[in-house]
């Protein structure tokens, strides 16, 4: 229906209530990105988070329930093919939310409820001139094999880690970096007191 945000999903002819707040979907996406979580568990996480009463869905309908949930998350209303992955919600959080907040005119994370599709609407309206917009544009062009403009190449060169979709596996945490600095200073000072 025009202008309505779905709060139920149809699975094999029956409507099931869903948890449509954007935070729930981001939890599902985080599970999808967990390399240690088997695919079967990712499906279970998705179904148990998105459907309020997953235990009322017959087991034989789980494949259809998962497809309905995936279509809802992907905001797919037709048989469109999925686009290449260009967002890592966890990695990008620090630059993504300020851009979304700017569009929304408020801090969306403090809102008690925001429908996933409304959140996606804000996301899609982000100004391409902002930091997040620039990162997203570069990722989209690279994913589609398109040529980067000169200023985009310069931005990418100066911000390679920011534009990378994934964290580097060998990347040190801030705590690891501080510990290494302290250890280096202790070696230079000789007595270990910094």
C-alpha atoms as a PDB file:
ATOM      1  CA  UNK A   1       0.000   0.000   0.000  1.00  0.00           C
ATOM      2  CA  UNK A   2       1.185   3.445  -0.898  1.00  0.00           C
ATOM      3  CA  UNK A   3       2.786   5.365   1.933  1.00  0.00           C
ATOM      4  CA  UNK A   4       2.722   2.475   4.406  1.00  0.00           C
ATOM      5  CA  UNK A   5       5.716   1.010   6.181  1.00  0.00           C
ATOM      6  CA  UNK A   6       5.328  -2.749   6.619  1.00  0.00           C
ATOM      7  CA  UNK A   7       5.066  -4.076  10.148  1.00  0.00           C
ATOM      8  CA  UNK A   8       4.224  -7.596   9.006  1.00  0.00           C
ATOM      9  CA  UNK A   9       5.646  -9.946   6.402  1.00  0.00           C
ATOM     10  CA  UNK A  10       3.680 -12.450   4.374  1.00  0.00           C
ATOM     11  CA  UNK A  11       4.975 -16.001   4.651  1.00  0.00           C
ATOM     12  CA  UNK A  12       3.051 -18.635   2.691  1.00  0.00           C
ATOM     13  CA  UNK A  13      -0.159 -16.599   2.775  1.00  0.00           C
ATOM     14  CA  UNK A  14      -0.041 -15.654   6.456  1.00  0.00           C
ATOM     15  CA  UNK A  15       0.998 -12.294   7.947  1.00  0.00           C
ATOM     16  CA  UNK A  16       3.562 -12.324  10.759  1.00  0.00           C
ATOM     17  CA  UNK A  17       4.457  -9.311  12.917  1.00  0.00           C
ATOM     18  CA  UNK A  18       8.031  -8.120  12.579  1.00  0.00           C
ATOM     19  CA  UNK A  19      10.501  -5.999  14.496  1.00  0.00           C
ATOM     20  CA  UNK A  20      10.957  -3.246  11.934  1.00  0.00           C
ATOM     21  CA  UNK A  21      13.195  -0.860  13.894  1.00  0.00           C
ATOM     22  CA  UNK A  22      16.508  -0.166  12.149  1.00  0.00           C
ATOM     23  CA  UNK A  23      18.554  -1.352  15.153  1.00  0.00           C
ATOM     24  CA  UNK A  24      17.137  -4.868  14.774  1.00  0.00           C
ATOM     25  CA  UNK A  25      18.137  -4.985  11.128  1.00  0.00           C
ATOM     26  CA  UNK A  26      21.623  -3.708  11.933  1.00  0.00           C
ATOM     27  CA  UNK A  27      21.975  -6.555  14.464  1.00  0.00           C
ATOM     28  CA  UNK A  28      21.040  -9.018  11.715  1.00  0.00           C
ATOM     29  CA  UNK A  29      23.558  -7.448   9.334  1.00  0.00           C
ATOM     30  CA  UNK A  30      26.248  -7.698  12.017  1.00  0.00           C
ATOM     31  CA  UNK A  31      25.473 -11.425  12.310  1.00  0.00           C
ATOM     32  CA  UNK A  32      25.657 -11.817   8.501  1.00  0.00           C
ATOM     33  CA  UNK A  33      29.126 -10.244   8.598  1.00  0.00           C
ATOM     34  CA  UNK A  34      30.374 -12.482  11.432  1.00  0.00           C
ATOM     35  CA  UNK A  35      32.863 -14.801   9.741  1.00  0.00           C
ATOM     36  CA  UNK A  36      32.801 -17.171  12.746  1.00  0.00           C
ATOM     37  CA  UNK A  37      29.044 -17.704  12.607  1.00  0.00           C
ATOM     38  CA  UNK A  38      27.908 -20.604  10.374  1.00  0.00           C
ATOM     39  CA  UNK A  39      25.343 -19.747   7.680  1.00  0.00           C
ATOM     40  CA  UNK A  40      22.676 -21.870   9.375  1.00  0.00           C
ATOM     41  CA  UNK A  41      23.041 -19.797  12.559  1.00  0.00           C
ATOM     42  CA  UNK A  42      22.935 -16.564  10.558  1.00  0.00           C
ATOM     43  CA  UNK A  43      19.545 -17.613   9.181  1.00  0.00           C
ATOM     44  CA  UNK A  44      18.336 -18.465  12.687  1.00  0.00           C
ATOM     45  CA  UNK A  45      19.540 -15.086  14.014  1.00  0.00           C
ATOM     46  CA  UNK A  46      17.743 -13.296  11.186  1.00  0.00           C
ATOM     47  CA  UNK A  47      14.452 -15.110  11.699  1.00  0.00           C
ATOM     48  CA  UNK A  48      14.492 -14.864  15.483  1.00  0.00           C
ATOM     49  CA  UNK A  49      15.256 -11.139  15.430  1.00  0.00           C
ATOM     50  CA  UNK A  50      12.940 -10.046  12.628  1.00  0.00           C
ATOM     51  CA  UNK A  51       9.850 -12.128  13.483  1.00  0.00           C
ATOM     52  CA  UNK A  52       8.229 -11.346  16.840  1.00  0.00           C
ATOM     53  CA  UNK A  53       6.790 -14.877  17.103  1.00  0.00           C
ATOM     54  CA  UNK A  54       9.180 -16.976  15.036  1.00  0.00           C
ATOM     55  CA  UNK A  55       8.047 -20.067  16.953  1.00  0.00           C
ATOM     56  CA  UNK A  56       4.584 -19.763  15.327  1.00  0.00           C
ATOM     57  CA  UNK A  57       6.032 -20.124  11.822  1.00  0.00           C
ATOM     58  CA  UNK A  58       5.967 -23.776  10.699  1.00  0.00           C
ATOM     59  CA  UNK A  59       9.516 -25.092  10.166  1.00  0.00           C
ATOM     60  CA  UNK A  60       8.737 -26.025   6.573  1.00  0.00           C
ATOM     61  CA  UNK A  61       7.980 -22.330   5.919  1.00  0.00           C
ATOM     62  CA  UNK A  62      11.380 -21.125   7.195  1.00  0.00           C
ATOM     63  CA  UNK A  63      12.884 -20.818   3.683  1.00  0.00           C
ATOM     64  CA  UNK A  64       9.992 -18.553   2.623  1.00  0.00           C
ATOM     65  CA  UNK A  65      10.238 -16.634   5.913  1.00  0.00           C
ATOM     66  CA  UNK A  66      13.946 -16.081   5.331  1.00  0.00           C
ATOM     67  CA  UNK A  67      13.285 -14.859   1.774  1.00  0.00           C
ATOM     68  CA  UNK A  68      10.601 -12.439   3.045  1.00  0.00           C
ATOM     69  CA  UNK A  69      12.962 -11.156   5.758  1.00  0.00           C
ATOM     70  CA  UNK A  70      15.822 -10.781   3.270  1.00  0.00           C
ATOM     71  CA  UNK A  71      13.611  -8.888   0.827  1.00  0.00           C
ATOM     72  CA  UNK A  72      12.493  -6.581   3.647  1.00  0.00           C
ATOM     73  CA  UNK A  73      16.086  -5.937   4.718  1.00  0.00           C
ATOM     74  CA  UNK A  74      17.289  -5.415   1.149  1.00  0.00           C
ATOM     75  CA  UNK A  75      14.239  -3.184   0.522  1.00  0.00           C
ATOM     76  CA  UNK A  76      13.515  -5.352  -2.507  1.00  0.00           C
ATOM     77  CA  UNK A  77       9.987  -5.073  -3.771  1.00  0.00           C
ATOM     78  CA  UNK A  78      10.585  -6.985  -6.982  1.00  0.00           C
ATOM     79  CA  UNK A  79      13.028  -9.532  -8.360  1.00  0.00           C
ATOM     80  CA  UNK A  80      15.781  -6.929  -8.713  1.00  0.00           C
ATOM     81  CA  UNK A  81      19.225  -8.427  -8.494  1.00  0.00           C
ATOM     82  CA  UNK A  82      21.105  -7.413  -5.350  1.00  0.00           C
ATOM     83  CA  UNK A  83      23.680  -4.667  -5.741  1.00  0.00           C
ATOM     84  CA  UNK A  84      27.314  -5.183  -4.723  1.00  0.00           C
ATOM     85  CA  UNK A  85      28.122  -4.725  -1.046  1.00  0.00           C
ATOM     86  CA  UNK A  86      29.493  -1.230  -0.447  1.00  0.00           C
ATOM     87  CA  UNK A  87      28.639  -0.659   3.222  1.00  0.00           C
ATOM     88  CA  UNK A  88      30.106  -2.214   6.335  1.00  0.00           C
ATOM     89  CA  UNK A  89      27.676  -0.913   8.938  1.00  0.00           C
ATOM     90  CA  UNK A  90      29.947  -1.669  11.891  1.00  0.00           C
ATOM     91  CA  UNK A  91      33.143  -0.274  10.339  1.00  0.00           C
ATOM     92  CA  UNK A  92      31.379   2.770   8.887  1.00  0.00           C
ATOM     93  CA  UNK A  93      29.310   3.689  11.946  1.00  0.00           C
ATOM     94  CA  UNK A  94      31.431   6.704  12.940  1.00  0.00           C
ATOM     95  CA  UNK A  95      31.082   8.422   9.555  1.00  0.00           C
ATOM     96  CA  UNK A  96      27.725   7.001   8.501  1.00  0.00           C
ATOM     97  CA  UNK A  97      25.540   8.126  11.412  1.00  0.00           C
ATOM     98  CA  UNK A  98      26.578  11.794  11.321  1.00  0.00           C
ATOM     99  CA  UNK A  99      25.584  11.873   7.644  1.00  0.00           C
ATOM    100  CA  UNK A 100      22.237  10.182   8.348  1.00  0.00           C
ATOM    101  CA  UNK A 101      21.631  12.466  11.331  1.00  0.00           C
ATOM    102  CA  UNK A 102      22.225  15.492   9.106  1.00  0.00           C
ATOM    103  CA  UNK A 103      19.545  14.297   6.679  1.00  0.00           C
ATOM    104  CA  UNK A 104      17.138  13.348   9.499  1.00  0.00           C
ATOM    105  CA  UNK A 105      17.750  16.615  11.347  1.00  0.00           C
ATOM    106  CA  UNK A 106      18.275  14.721  14.608  1.00  0.00           C
ATOM    107  CA  UNK A 107      20.249  11.932  16.246  1.00  0.00           C
ATOM    108  CA  UNK A 108      18.512   8.830  14.902  1.00  0.00           C
ATOM    109  CA  UNK A 109      20.192   6.501  17.418  1.00  0.00           C
ATOM    110  CA  UNK A 110      18.398   8.302  20.263  1.00  0.00           C
ATOM    111  CA  UNK A 111      14.974   7.891  18.667  1.00  0.00           C
ATOM    112  CA  UNK A 112      12.885   5.241  20.439  1.00  0.00           C
ATOM    113  CA  UNK A 113      11.756   3.803  17.076  1.00  0.00           C
ATOM    114  CA  UNK A 114      12.687   4.339  13.449  1.00  0.00           C
ATOM    115  CA  UNK A 115      11.425   2.001  10.742  1.00  0.00           C
ATOM    116  CA  UNK A 116      14.178   0.319   8.720  1.00  0.00           C
ATOM    117  CA  UNK A 117      12.851   1.710   5.449  1.00  0.00           C
ATOM    118  CA  UNK A 118      12.741   5.263   6.866  1.00  0.00           C
ATOM    119  CA  UNK A 119      16.328   4.793   8.010  1.00  0.00           C
ATOM    120  CA  UNK A 120      17.228   3.618   4.479  1.00  0.00           C
ATOM    121  CA  UNK A 121      15.481   6.690   3.074  1.00  0.00           C
ATOM    122  CA  UNK A 122      17.725   8.914   5.166  1.00  0.00           C
ATOM    123  CA  UNK A 123      20.708   6.842   4.115  1.00  0.00           C
ATOM    124  CA  UNK A 124      19.863   7.216   0.432  1.00  0.00           C
ATOM    125  CA  UNK A 125      19.441  10.999   0.795  1.00  0.00           C
ATOM    126  CA  UNK A 126      22.944  11.564   2.186  1.00  0.00           C
ATOM    127  CA  UNK A 127      24.790  14.377   0.418  1.00  0.00           C
ATOM    128  CA  UNK A 128      27.468  12.923  -1.873  1.00  0.00           C
ATOM    129  CA  UNK A 129      29.716  15.876  -1.009  1.00  0.00           C
ATOM    130  CA  UNK A 130      29.954  14.880   2.666  1.00  0.00           C
ATOM    131  CA  UNK A 131      32.619  12.516   3.976  1.00  0.00           C
ATOM    132  CA  UNK A 132      30.359   9.457   4.012  1.00  0.00           C
ATOM    133  CA  UNK A 133      28.959  10.343   0.597  1.00  0.00           C
ATOM    134  CA  UNK A 134      32.471  10.523  -0.867  1.00  0.00           C
ATOM    135  CA  UNK A 135      33.463   7.165   0.657  1.00  0.00           C
ATOM    136  CA  UNK A 136      30.253   5.549  -0.603  1.00  0.00           C
ATOM    137  CA  UNK A 137      30.662   6.978  -4.115  1.00  0.00           C
ATOM    138  CA  UNK A 138      34.213   5.656  -4.362  1.00  0.00           C
ATOM    139  CA  UNK A 139      33.174   2.207  -3.134  1.00  0.00           C
ATOM    140  CA  UNK A 140      30.255   2.074  -5.563  1.00  0.00           C
ATOM    141  CA  UNK A 141      32.429   3.068  -8.510  1.00  0.00           C
ATOM    142  CA  UNK A 142      35.120   0.548  -7.573  1.00  0.00           C
ATOM    143  CA  UNK A 143      32.523  -2.228  -7.114  1.00  0.00           C
ATOM    144  CA  UNK A 144      31.092  -1.535 -10.568  1.00  0.00           C
ATOM    145  CA  UNK A 145      34.506  -1.132 -12.210  1.00  0.00           C
ATOM    146  CA  UNK A 146      33.901   2.531 -13.044  1.00  0.00           C
ATOM    147  CA  UNK A 147      36.682   5.059 -13.429  1.00  0.00           C
ATOM    148  CA  UNK A 148      37.320   7.410 -10.511  1.00  0.00           C
ATOM    149  CA  UNK A 149      37.600  11.152 -11.068  1.00  0.00           C
ATOM    150  CA  UNK A 150      40.952  12.765 -10.259  1.00  0.00           C
ATOM    151  CA  UNK A 151      39.695  14.236  -6.959  1.00  0.00           C
ATOM    152  CA  UNK A 152      38.243  10.827  -6.001  1.00  0.00           C
ATOM    153  CA  UNK A 153      41.590   9.130  -6.685  1.00  0.00           C
ATOM    154  CA  UNK A 154      43.311  11.725  -4.512  1.00  0.00           C
ATOM    155  CA  UNK A 155      40.781  11.182  -1.725  1.00  0.00           C
ATOM    156  CA  UNK A 156      41.197   7.404  -1.983  1.00  0.00           C
ATOM    157  CA  UNK A 157      44.990   7.678  -1.820  1.00  0.00           C
ATOM    158  CA  UNK A 158      44.798   9.875   1.291  1.00  0.00           C
ATOM    159  CA  UNK A 159      42.070   7.768   2.965  1.00  0.00           C
ATOM    160  CA  UNK A 160      42.704   4.169   1.917  1.00  0.00           C
ATOM    161  CA  UNK A 161      41.660   2.616   5.263  1.00  0.00           C
ATOM    162  CA  UNK A 162      38.505   4.716   5.384  1.00  0.00           C
ATOM    163  CA  UNK A 163      37.530   3.703   1.851  1.00  0.00           C
ATOM    164  CA  UNK A 164      38.324   0.015   2.359  1.00  0.00           C
ATOM    165  CA  UNK A 165      35.169  -1.996   2.884  1.00  0.00           C
ATOM    166  CA  UNK A 166      36.703  -4.305   5.465  1.00  0.00           C
ATOM    167  CA  UNK A 167      39.103  -3.761   8.305  1.00  0.00           C
ATOM    168  CA  UNK A 168      42.564  -5.105   7.649  1.00  0.00           C
ATOM    169  CA  UNK A 169      42.948  -8.424   9.463  1.00  0.00           C
ATOM    170  CA  UNK A 170      46.269  -7.357  10.957  1.00  0.00           C
ATOM    171  CA  UNK A 171      44.928  -4.003  12.090  1.00  0.00           C
ATOM    172  CA  UNK A 172      45.848  -3.179  15.657  1.00  0.00           C
ATOM    173  CA  UNK A 173      43.262  -1.954  18.120  1.00  0.00           C
ATOM    174  CA  UNK A 174      43.849   1.446  19.744  1.00  0.00           C
ATOM    175  CA  UNK A 175      44.745  -0.423  22.941  1.00  0.00           C
ATOM    176  CA  UNK A 176      47.360  -2.500  21.064  1.00  0.00           C
ATOM    177  CA  UNK A 177      48.795   0.660  19.525  1.00  0.00           C
ATOM    178  CA  UNK A 178      49.045   2.379  22.920  1.00  0.00           C
ATOM    179  CA  UNK A 179      50.665  -0.702  24.456  1.00  0.00           C
ATOM    180  CA  UNK A 180      53.257  -0.753  21.646  1.00  0.00           C
ATOM    181  CA  UNK A 181      54.000   2.945  22.225  1.00  0.00           C
ATOM    182  CA  UNK A 182      54.424   2.371  25.972  1.00  0.00           C
ATOM    183  CA  UNK A 183      56.705  -0.603  25.336  1.00  0.00           C
ATOM    184  CA  UNK A 184      58.825   1.450  22.929  1.00  0.00           C
ATOM    185  CA  UNK A 185      59.080   4.321  25.415  1.00  0.00           C
ATOM    186  CA  UNK A 186      60.031   1.881  28.176  1.00  0.00           C
ATOM    187  CA  UNK A 187      62.855   0.516  26.030  1.00  0.00           C
ATOM    188  CA  UNK A 188      64.130   4.039  25.350  1.00  0.00           C
ATOM    189  CA  UNK A 189      63.852   5.082  29.003  1.00  0.00           C
ATOM    190  CA  UNK A 190      65.574   1.956  30.242  1.00  0.00           C
ATOM    191  CA  UNK A 191      63.817   1.796  33.615  1.00  0.00           C
ATOM    192  CA  UNK A 192      60.329   0.961  32.311  1.00  0.00           C
ATOM    193  CA  UNK A 193      58.742   4.013  33.988  1.00  0.00           C
ATOM    194  CA  UNK A 194      56.950   6.281  31.626  1.00  0.00           C
END
